[in-house]
PDB file of N, CA and C in Angstrom:
ATOM      1  N   MET A   1     -52.113 178.716-201.243  1.00  0.00           N
ATOM      2  CA  MET A   1     -50.919 177.829-200.383  1.00  0.00           C
ATOM      3  C   MET A   1     -51.433 176.320-201.095  1.00  0.00           C
ATOM      4  N   LYS A   2     -50.223 175.568-201.158  1.00  0.00           N
ATOM      5  CA  LYS A   2     -50.255 174.286-201.829  1.00  0.00           C
ATOM      6  C   LYS A   2     -50.497 173.155-200.358  1.00  0.00           C
ATOM      7  N   HIS A   3     -51.844 172.437-200.772  1.00  0.00           N
ATOM      8  CA  HIS A   3     -52.068 171.539-199.951  1.00  0.00           C
ATOM      9  C   HIS A   3     -51.037 170.301-199.797  1.00  0.00           C
ATOM     10  N   LEU A   4     -50.642 170.093-198.777  1.00  0.00           N
ATOM     11  CA  LEU A   4     -49.750 168.951-198.530  1.00  0.00           C
ATOM     12  C   LEU A   4     -50.574 167.671-198.270  1.00  0.00           C
ATOM     13  N   THR A   5     -50.194 166.280-199.030  1.00  0.00           N
ATOM     14  CA  THR A   5     -50.646 165.090-198.287  1.00  0.00           C
ATOM     15  C   THR A   5     -49.497 164.508-198.013  1.00  0.00           C
ATOM     16  N   TRP A   6     -49.709 163.237-196.997  1.00  0.00           N
ATOM     17  CA  TRP A   6     -48.511 162.553-196.578  1.00  0.00           C
ATOM     18  C   TRP A   6     -47.954 161.782-197.825  1.00  0.00           C
ATOM     19  N   ASP A   7     -48.743 161.688-198.826  1.00  0.00           N
ATOM     20  CA  ASP A   7     -47.905 160.844-200.263  1.00  0.00           C
ATOM     21  C   ASP A   7     -47.267 161.953-200.909  1.00  0.00           C
ATOM     22  N   SER A   8     -47.490 163.245-200.924  1.00  0.00           N
ATOM     23  CA  SER A   8     -46.479 164.123-201.532  1.00  0.00           C
ATOM     24  C   SER A   8     -45.077 164.336-200.355  1.00  0.00           C
ATOM     25  N   VAL A   9     -45.529 164.567-199.435  1.00  0.00           N
ATOM     26  CA  VAL A   9     -44.241 164.910-198.312  1.00  0.00           C
ATOM     27  C   VAL A   9     -43.308 163.524-198.642  1.00  0.00           C
ATOM     28  N   ARG A  10     -44.088 162.526-198.387  1.00  0.00           N
ATOM     29  CA  ARG A  10     -43.079 161.269-198.488  1.00  0.00           C
ATOM     30  C   ARG A  10     -42.308 161.118-199.919  1.00  0.00           C
ATOM     31  N   LYS A  11     -43.064 161.647-200.917  1.00  0.00           N
ATOM     32  CA  LYS A  11     -42.436 161.433-202.066  1.00  0.00           C
ATOM     33  C   LYS A  11     -41.196 162.558-202.347  1.00  0.00           C
ATOM     34  N   GLU A  12     -41.132 163.716-201.436  1.00  0.00           N
ATOM     35  CA  GLU A  12     -40.282 164.756-201.562  1.00  0.00           C
ATOM     36  C   GLU A  12     -39.146 164.269-200.692  1.00  0.00           C
ATOM     37  N   CYS A  13     -39.444 163.570-199.527  1.00  0.00           N
ATOM     38  CA  CYS A  13     -38.327 163.371-198.594  1.00  0.00           C
ATOM     39  C   CYS A  13     -37.391 161.915-198.879  1.00  0.00           C
ATOM     40  N   PHE A  14     -38.240 160.951-199.528  1.00  0.00           N
ATOM     41  CA  PHE A  14     -37.607 159.747-199.546  1.00  0.00           C
ATOM     42  C   PHE A  14     -37.700 159.226-201.233  1.00  0.00           C
ATOM     43  N   THR A  15     -36.514 158.458-201.363  1.00  0.00           N
ATOM     44  CA  THR A  15     -36.569 158.025-202.669  1.00  0.00           C
ATOM     45  C   THR A  15     -37.655 156.918-203.080  1.00  0.00           C
ATOM     46  N   ALA A  16     -37.674 156.380-204.306  1.00  0.00           N
ATOM     47  CA  ALA A  16     -38.903 155.537-204.775  1.00  0.00           C
ATOM     48  C   ALA A  16     -38.446 154.181-203.786  1.00  0.00           C
ATOM     49  N   GLU A  17     -37.187 153.923-203.847  1.00  0.00           N
ATOM     50  CA  GLU A  17     -36.561 152.803-203.212  1.00  0.00           C
ATOM     51  C   GLU A  17     -36.768 152.585-201.537  1.00  0.00           C
ATOM     52  N   GLU A  18     -36.829 153.531-201.188  1.00  0.00           N
ATOM     53  CA  GLU A  18     -36.689 153.654-199.588  1.00  0.00           C
ATOM     54  C   GLU A  18     -38.599 153.529-199.549  1.00  0.00           C
ATOM     55  N   ILE A  19     -39.269 154.184-200.152  1.00  0.00           N
ATOM     56  CA  ILE A  19     -40.945 153.926-200.291  1.00  0.00           C
ATOM     57  C   ILE A  19     -41.090 152.422-200.291  1.00  0.00           C
ATOM     58  N   ALA A  20     -40.623 152.032-201.347  1.00  0.00           N
ATOM     59  CA  ALA A  20     -40.849 150.711-201.677  1.00  0.00           C
ATOM     60  C   ALA A  20     -40.611 149.577-200.279  1.00  0.00           C
ATOM     61  N   ALA A  21     -39.234 149.959-199.798  1.00  0.00           N
ATOM     62  CA  ALA A  21     -38.772 149.231-198.789  1.00  0.00           C
ATOM     63  C   ALA A  21     -39.748 149.483-197.736  1.00  0.00           C
ATOM     64  N   SER A  22     -40.397 150.493-197.490  1.00  0.00           N
ATOM     65  CA  SER A  22     -40.946 151.087-196.269  1.00  0.00           C
ATOM     66  C   SER A  22     -42.416 150.125-196.414  1.00  0.00           C
ATOM     67  N   ASP A  23     -42.915 150.150-197.354  1.00  0.00           N
ATOM     68  CA  ASP A  23     -44.044 149.618-198.004  1.00  0.00           C
ATOM     69  C   ASP A  23     -44.156 148.126-197.822  1.00  0.00           C
ATOM     70  N   LEU A  24     -43.079 147.435-198.098  1.00  0.00           N
ATOM     71  CA  LEU A  24     -42.605 146.124-197.984  1.00  0.00           C
ATOM     72  C   LEU A  24     -42.856 145.753-196.633  1.00  0.00           C
ATOM     73  N   ARG A  25     -42.040 146.578-195.680  1.00  0.00           N
ATOM     74  CA  ARG A  25     -41.758 145.890-194.460  1.00  0.00           C
ATOM     75  C   ARG A  25     -43.321 146.282-193.674  1.00  0.00           C
ATOM     76  N   VAL A  26     -43.994 147.300-193.994  1.00  0.00           N
ATOM     77  CA  VAL A  26     -45.431 147.595-193.379  1.00  0.00           C
ATOM     78  C   VAL A  26     -46.255 146.064-193.803  1.00  0.00           C
ATOM     79  N   ALA A  27     -46.474 145.679-194.964  1.00  0.00           N
ATOM     80  CA  ALA A  27     -46.973 144.832-195.722  1.00  0.00           C
ATOM     81  C   ALA A  27     -46.952 143.375-194.835  1.00  0.00           C
ATOM     82  N   LEU A  28     -45.318 143.286-194.686  1.00  0.00           N
ATOM     83  CA  LEU A  28     -44.931 142.087-194.011  1.00  0.00           C
ATOM     84  C   LEU A  28     -45.471 141.738-192.660  1.00  0.00           C
ATOM     85  N   ILE A  29     -45.359 142.821-191.929  1.00  0.00           N
ATOM     86  CA  ILE A  29     -45.537 143.101-190.546  1.00  0.00           C
ATOM     87  C   ILE A  29     -46.960 142.718-190.247  1.00  0.00           C
ATOM     88  N   GLY A  30     -47.626 143.572-191.147  1.00  0.00           N
ATOM     89  CA  GLY A  30     -49.221 143.441-191.014  1.00  0.00           C
ATOM     90  C   GLY A  30     -49.615 141.981-191.416  1.00  0.00           C
ATOM     91  N   GLU A  31     -48.963 141.189-192.408  1.00  0.00           N
ATOM     92  CA  GLU A  31     -49.320 139.849-192.593  1.00  0.00           C
ATOM     93  C   GLU A  31     -49.157 138.905-191.259  1.00  0.00           C
ATOM     94  N   LEU A  32     -47.835 139.070-190.417  1.00  0.00           N
ATOM     95  CA  LEU A  32     -47.475 138.377-189.767  1.00  0.00           C
ATOM     96  C   LEU A  32     -48.472 138.460-188.096  1.00  0.00           C
ATOM     97  N   ILE A  33     -48.902 139.773-188.181  1.00  0.00           N
ATOM     98  CA  ILE A  33     -49.765 140.449-187.068  1.00  0.00           C
ATOM     99  C   ILE A  33     -51.449 139.441-187.428  1.00  0.00           C
ATOM    100  N   GLU A  34     -51.830 139.821-188.706  1.00  0.00           N
ATOM    101  CA  GLU A  34     -52.975 138.915-189.108  1.00  0.00           C
ATOM    102  C   GLU A  34     -52.825 137.500-188.923  1.00  0.00           C
ATOM    103  N   ALA A  35     -51.831 136.828-189.057  1.00  0.00           N
ATOM    104  CA  ALA A  35     -51.656 135.494-189.000  1.00  0.00           C
ATOM    105  C   ALA A  35     -51.875 135.034-187.866  1.00  0.00           C
ATOM    106  N   ARG A  36     -50.963 135.735-186.791  1.00  0.00           N
ATOM    107  CA  ARG A  36     -51.079 135.461-185.349  1.00  0.00           C
ATOM    108  C   ARG A  36     -52.453 135.650-184.743  1.00  0.00           C
ATOM    109  N   GLN A  37     -52.986 136.717-185.243  1.00  0.00           N
ATOM    110  CA  GLN A  37     -54.338 137.080-184.579  1.00  0.00           C
ATOM    111  C   GLN A  37     -55.445 135.883-185.031  1.00  0.00           C
ATOM    112  N   LYS A  38     -55.310 135.619-186.476  1.00  0.00           N
ATOM    113  CA  LYS A  38     -56.003 134.587-186.755  1.00  0.00           C
ATOM    114  C   LYS A  38     -56.107 133.081-186.234  1.00  0.00           C
ATOM    115  N   LEU A  39     -54.780 132.932-185.908  1.00  0.00           N
ATOM    116  CA  LEU A  39     -54.620 131.546-185.174  1.00  0.00           C
ATOM    117  C   LEU A  39     -54.847 131.808-183.402  1.00  0.00           C
ATOM    118  N   GLY A  40     -55.297 132.986-182.864  1.00  0.00           N
ATOM    119  CA  GLY A  40     -55.636 133.117-181.882  1.00  0.00           C
ATOM    120  C   GLY A  40     -54.543 133.144-180.745  1.00  0.00           C
ATOM    121  N   LEU A  41     -53.353 133.541-181.518  1.00  0.00           N
ATOM    122  CA  LEU A  41     -52.164 133.450-180.481  1.00  0.00           C
ATOM    123  C   LEU A  41     -51.708 134.796-179.889  1.00  0.00           C
ATOM    124  N   SER A  42     -51.547 134.680-178.650  1.00  0.00           N
ATOM    125  CA  SER A  42     -50.944 136.027-177.929  1.00  0.00           C
ATOM    126  C   SER A  42     -49.402 136.226-178.317  1.00  0.00           C
ATOM    127  N   GLN A  43     -48.829 137.274-178.161  1.00  0.00           N
ATOM    128  CA  GLN A  43     -47.531 137.358-178.196  1.00  0.00           C
ATOM    129  C   GLN A  43     -46.753 136.544-177.706  1.00  0.00           C
ATOM    130  N   LYS A  44     -46.935 136.287-176.351  1.00  0.00           N
ATOM    131  CA  LYS A  44     -46.559 135.531-175.407  1.00  0.00           C
ATOM    132  C   LYS A  44     -46.477 133.966-175.737  1.00  0.00           C
ATOM    133  N   LYS A  45     -47.616 133.423-176.415  1.00  0.00           N
ATOM    134  CA  LYS A  45     -47.628 132.097-176.782  1.00  0.00           C
ATOM    135  C   LYS A  45     -46.608 131.974-178.250  1.00  0.00           C
ATOM    136  N   LEU A  46     -46.763 132.880-178.965  1.00  0.00           N
ATOM    137  CA  LEU A  46     -45.732 133.083-180.301  1.00  0.00           C
ATOM    138  C   LEU A  46     -44.461 133.050-179.678  1.00  0.00           C
ATOM    139  N   GLU A  47     -44.174 133.623-178.528  1.00  0.00           N
ATOM    140  CA  GLU A  47     -42.723 133.452-177.978  1.00  0.00           C
ATOM    141  C   GLU A  47     -42.158 132.139-177.665  1.00  0.00           C
ATOM    142  N   GLU A  48     -43.364 131.479-177.229  1.00  0.00           N
ATOM    143  CA  GLU A  48     -42.919 129.955-176.443  1.00  0.00           C
ATOM    144  C   GLU A  48     -42.879 129.325-177.709  1.00  0.00           C
ATOM    145  N   LEU A  49     -43.802 129.438-178.898  1.00  0.00           N
ATOM    146  CA  LEU A  49     -43.602 128.443-180.402  1.00  0.00           C
ATOM    147  C   LEU A  49     -42.258 128.857-180.944  1.00  0.00           C
ATOM    148  N   SER A  50     -41.914 130.286-181.151  1.00  0.00           N
ATOM    149  CA  SER A  50     -41.059 130.460-182.026  1.00  0.00           C
ATOM    150  C   SER A  50     -39.477 130.868-181.412  1.00  0.00           C
ATOM    151  N   GLY A  51     -39.288 130.944-180.045  1.00  0.00           N
ATOM    152  CA  GLY A  51     -38.225 131.212-179.339  1.00  0.00           C
ATOM    153  C   GLY A  51     -37.627 132.404-179.590  1.00  0.00           C
ATOM    154  N   VAL A  52     -38.864 133.433-180.158  1.00  0.00           N
ATOM    155  CA  VAL A  52     -38.304 134.989-179.993  1.00  0.00           C
ATOM    156  C   VAL A  52     -39.011 135.636-178.991  1.00  0.00           C
ATOM    157  N   ARG A  53     -38.369 136.466-178.048  1.00  0.00           N
ATOM    158  CA  ARG A  53     -38.976 137.065-177.000  1.00  0.00           C
ATOM    159  C   ARG A  53     -40.331 137.882-177.335  1.00  0.00           C
ATOM    160  N   GLN A  54     -40.962 137.923-176.621  1.00  0.00           N
ATOM    161  CA  GLN A  54     -42.424 138.783-176.647  1.00  0.00           C
ATOM    162  C   GLN A  54     -41.976 140.065-176.794  1.00  0.00           C
ATOM    163  N   PRO A  55     -41.197 140.789-176.033  1.00  0.00           N
ATOM    164  CA  PRO A  55     -40.852 142.070-176.333  1.00  0.00           C
ATOM    165  C   PRO A  55     -40.293 142.536-177.564  1.00  0.00           C
ATOM    166  N   VAL A  56     -39.719 141.667-178.251  1.00  0.00           N
ATOM    167  CA  VAL A  56     -38.976 141.754-179.702  1.00  0.00           C
ATOM    168  C   VAL A  56     -40.436 141.744-180.590  1.00  0.00           C
ATOM    169  N   ILE A  57     -40.988 140.686-180.382  1.00  0.00           N
ATOM    170  CA  ILE A  57     -42.664 140.571-181.224  1.00  0.00           C
ATOM    171  C   ILE A  57     -43.198 141.879-181.067  1.00  0.00           C
ATOM    172  N   ALA A  58     -43.393 142.305-179.998  1.00  0.00           N
ATOM    173  CA  ALA A  58     -44.139 143.375-179.665  1.00  0.00           C
ATOM    174  C   ALA A  58     -43.685 144.752-180.332  1.00  0.00           C
ATOM    175  N   ARG A  59     -42.362 145.185-180.277  1.00  0.00           N
ATOM    176  CA  ARG A  59     -41.450 146.126-181.079  1.00  0.00           C
ATOM    177  C   ARG A  59     -41.481 145.876-182.420  1.00  0.00           C
ATOM    178  N   MET A  60     -41.786 144.834-182.876  1.00  0.00           N
ATOM    179  CA  MET A  60     -41.555 144.625-184.377  1.00  0.00           C
ATOM    180  C   MET A  60     -43.020 144.679-184.906  1.00  0.00           C
ATOM    181  N   GLU A  61     -43.993 144.389-183.854  1.00  0.00           N
ATOM    182  CA  GLU A  61     -45.492 144.781-184.556  1.00  0.00           C
ATOM    183  C   GLU A  61     -45.762 146.363-184.586  1.00  0.00           C
ATOM    184  N   LYS A  62     -45.134 146.735-183.201  1.00  0.00           N
ATOM    185  CA  LYS A  62     -45.378 148.485-183.363  1.00  0.00           C
ATOM    186  C   LYS A  62     -44.858 149.201-184.500  1.00  0.00           C
ATOM    187  N   GLY A  63     -43.805 148.361-184.982  1.00  0.00           N
ATOM    188  CA  GLY A  63     -42.783 148.995-186.008  1.00  0.00           C
ATOM    189  C   GLY A  63     -41.876 150.003-185.549  1.00  0.00           C
ATOM    190  N   SER A  64     -41.632 149.553-184.318  1.00  0.00           N
ATOM    191  CA  SER A  64     -40.519 150.728-183.618  1.00  0.00           C
ATOM    192  C   SER A  64     -39.145 149.709-183.993  1.00  0.00           C
ATOM    193  N   THR A  65     -39.129 148.763-184.782  1.00  0.00           N
ATOM    194  CA  THR A  65     -37.547 148.319-184.868  1.00  0.00           C
ATOM    195  C   THR A  65     -38.120 147.596-186.129  1.00  0.00           C
ATOM    196  N   SER A  66     -37.038 147.082-187.046  1.00  0.00           N
ATOM    197  CA  SER A  66     -36.693 146.341-188.365  1.00  0.00           C
ATOM    198  C   SER A  66     -36.315 145.076-187.438  1.00  0.00           C
ATOM    199  N   PRO A  67     -37.027 144.045-187.796  1.00  0.00           N
ATOM    200  CA  PRO A  67     -36.478 142.570-187.485  1.00  0.00           C
ATOM    201  C   PRO A  67     -35.590 142.117-188.473  1.00  0.00           C
ATOM    202  N   GLN A  68     -34.966 141.413-187.744  1.00  0.00           N
ATOM    203  CA  GLN A  68     -33.587 140.618-188.653  1.00  0.00           C
ATOM    204  C   GLN A  68     -34.540 139.742-189.305  1.00  0.00           C
ATOM    205  N   LEU A  69     -33.944 139.199-190.531  1.00  0.00           N
ATOM    206  CA  LEU A  69     -34.424 137.914-191.516  1.00  0.00           C
ATOM    207  C   LEU A  69     -34.668 136.641-190.633  1.00  0.00           C
ATOM    208  N   ASP A  70     -33.604 136.394-189.570  1.00  0.00           N
ATOM    209  CA  ASP A  70     -33.464 135.059-188.877  1.00  0.00           C
ATOM    210  C   ASP A  70     -34.935 135.315-188.048  1.00  0.00           C
ATOM    211  N   THR A  71     -35.166 136.465-187.332  1.00  0.00           N
ATOM    212  CA  THR A  71     -36.387 136.626-186.453  1.00  0.00           C
ATOM    213  C   THR A  71     -37.694 136.013-187.241  1.00  0.00           C
ATOM    214  N   ILE A  72     -37.688 136.887-188.461  1.00  0.00           N
ATOM    215  CA  ILE A  72     -38.939 136.764-189.482  1.00  0.00           C
ATOM    216  C   ILE A  72     -39.070 135.437-189.671  1.00  0.00           C
ATOM    217  N   LEU A  73     -37.973 134.573-190.032  1.00  0.00           N
ATOM    218  CA  LEU A  73     -38.233 133.167-190.184  1.00  0.00           C
ATOM    219  C   LEU A  73     -38.621 132.174-189.125  1.00  0.00           C
ATOM    220  N   LYS A  74     -38.018 132.596-187.979  1.00  0.00           N
ATOM    221  CA  LYS A  74     -38.568 131.980-186.798  1.00  0.00           C
ATOM    222  C   LYS A  74     -39.949 131.906-186.063  1.00  0.00           C
ATOM    223  N   ILE A  75     -40.460 133.245-186.683  1.00  0.00           N
ATOM    224  CA  ILE A  75     -41.974 133.712-186.361  1.00  0.00           C
ATOM    225  C   ILE A  75     -42.724 132.878-187.408  1.00  0.00           C
ATOM    226  N   LEU A  76     -42.516 132.974-188.490  1.00  0.00           N
ATOM    227  CA  LEU A  76     -43.200 132.474-189.752  1.00  0.00           C
ATOM    228  C   LEU A  76     -43.743 130.813-189.491  1.00  0.00           C
ATOM    229  N   THR A  77     -42.717 130.211-189.038  1.00  0.00           N
ATOM    230  CA  THR A  77     -43.018 128.852-189.036  1.00  0.00           C
ATOM    231  C   THR A  77     -44.156 128.124-188.062  1.00  0.00           C
ATOM    232  N   PRO A  78     -44.164 128.966-186.700  1.00  0.00           N
ATOM    233  CA  PRO A  78     -45.173 128.516-185.985  1.00  0.00           C
ATOM    234  C   PRO A  78     -46.635 128.955-186.350  1.00  0.00           C
ATOM    235  N   LEU A  79     -46.636 130.346-187.406  1.00  0.00           N
ATOM    236  CA  LEU A  79     -47.619 130.666-187.985  1.00  0.00           C
ATOM    237  C   LEU A  79     -48.181 129.911-188.966  1.00  0.00           C
ATOM    238  N   GLY A  80     -47.559 129.176-189.575  1.00  0.00           N
ATOM    239  CA  GLY A  80     -47.790 128.048-190.918  1.00  0.00           C
ATOM    240  C   GLY A  80     -47.633 128.900-191.873  1.00  0.00           C
ATOM    241  N   LYS A  81     -46.566 129.824-192.034  1.00  0.00           N
ATOM    242  CA  LYS A  81     -46.488 130.793-193.249  1.00  0.00           C
ATOM    243  C   LYS A  81     -44.912 130.221-193.656  1.00  0.00           C
ATOM    244  N   THR A  82     -44.636 130.893-195.076  1.00  0.00           N
ATOM    245  CA  THR A  82     -43.116 130.590-195.443  1.00  0.00           C
ATOM    246  C   THR A  82     -43.120 132.249-195.996  1.00  0.00           C
ATOM    247  N   LEU A  83     -41.745 132.443-196.414  1.00  0.00           N
ATOM    248  CA  LEU A  83     -41.369 133.528-196.913  1.00  0.00           C
ATOM    249  C   LEU A  83     -41.137 133.321-198.441  1.00  0.00           C
ATOM    250  N   TYR A  84     -41.943 134.086-199.209  1.00  0.00           N
ATOM    251  CA  TYR A  84     -42.006 133.782-200.844  1.00  0.00           C
ATOM    252  C   TYR A  84     -41.290 135.085-201.387  1.00  0.00           C
ATOM    253  N   ILE A  85     -40.260 134.840-202.563  1.00  0.00           N
ATOM    254  CA  ILE A  85     -39.535 135.518-203.018  1.00  0.00           C
ATOM    255  C   ILE A  85     -40.314 135.608-204.264  1.00  0.00           C
ATOM    256  N   GLY A  86     -40.601 136.707-205.180  1.00  0.00           N
ATOM    257  CA  GLY A  86     -41.276 136.370-206.475  1.00  0.00           C
ATOM    258  C   GLY A  86     -40.754 137.980-207.190  1.00  0.00           C
ATOM    259  N   ASP A  87     -41.387 137.904-208.556  1.00  0.00           N
ATOM    260  CA  ASP A  87     -41.067 138.999-209.331  1.00  0.00           C
ATOM    261  C   ASP A  87     -42.013 140.071-208.733  1.00  0.00           C
ATOM    262  N   LEU A  88     -41.160 140.996-208.096  1.00  0.00           N
ATOM    263  CA  LEU A  88     -41.628 142.355-207.501  1.00  0.00           C
ATOM    264  C   LEU A  88     -42.563 142.944-208.595  1.00  0.00           C
ATOM    265  N   HIS A  89     -42.135 143.296-209.778  1.00  0.00           N
ATOM    266  CA  HIS A  89     -42.939 143.912-210.828  1.00  0.00           C
ATOM    267  C   HIS A  89     -44.352 143.316-211.275  1.00  0.00           C
ATOM    268  N   THR A  90     -44.117 142.077-211.274  1.00  0.00           N
ATOM    269  CA  THR A  90     -45.455 141.153-211.420  1.00  0.00           C
ATOM    270  C   THR A  90     -46.414 141.259-210.344  1.00  0.00           C
ATOM    271  N   LYS A  91     -45.848 141.282-208.970  1.00  0.00           N
ATOM    272  CA  LYS A  91     -46.824 141.536-207.798  1.00  0.00           C
ATOM    273  C   LYS A  91     -47.114 143.025-207.769  1.00  0.00           C
ATOM    274  N   ARG A  92     -46.397 143.903-208.032  1.00  0.00           N
ATOM    275  CA  ARG A  92     -46.734 145.257-208.119  1.00  0.00           C
ATOM    276  C   ARG A  92     -48.148 145.557-208.862  1.00  0.00           C
ATOM    277  N   ASN A  93     -47.826 145.205-210.085  1.00  0.00           N
ATOM    278  CA  ASN A  93     -48.661 145.251-211.470  1.00  0.00           C
ATOM    279  C   ASN A  93     -50.024 144.662-211.045  1.00  0.00           C
ATOM    280  N   LYS A  94     -50.071 143.583-210.289  1.00  0.00           N
ATOM    281  CA  LYS A  94     -51.279 142.451-210.289  1.00  0.00           C
ATOM    282  C   LYS A  94     -51.909 143.241-208.779  1.00  0.00           C
ATOM    283  N   HIS A  95     -51.315 143.667-208.106  1.00  0.00           N
ATOM    284  CA  HIS A  95     -51.977 144.281-206.963  1.00  0.00           C
ATOM    285  C   HIS A  95     -51.958 145.793-206.696  1.00  0.00           C
ATOM    286  N   LYS A  96     -51.622 146.407-207.789  1.00  0.00           N
ATOM    287  CA  LYS A  96     -51.549 147.916-207.758  1.00  0.00           C
ATOM    288  C   LYS A  96     -50.848 148.598-206.874  1.00  0.00           C
ATOM    289  N   MET A  97     -49.666 148.196-206.252  1.00  0.00           N
ATOM    290  CA  MET A  97     -49.128 148.574-205.322  1.00  0.00           C
ATOM    291  C   MET A  97     -48.560 150.174-205.481  1.00  0.00           C
TER     292      MET A  97
END
């Protein structure tokens, strides 16, 4: 019997593009959570600073929703972050994604 891993199942069920999009979403949300926690901000405080409601922030951080670009941009500013668009292939090779 063949031993299945999450990686092998994922590759069978999803296209490379879908996997890349999912990985990017997970990395982005992870960065937002880390930045919020490093600043010692609660989700409620981030709501006050960004105008994005706390339940929306919670669902985004749990991964139960895909946030709109406008939502991400509103959250980035009080976290002292910006959105950077770079060459995916350079980034991928550099960090071996």
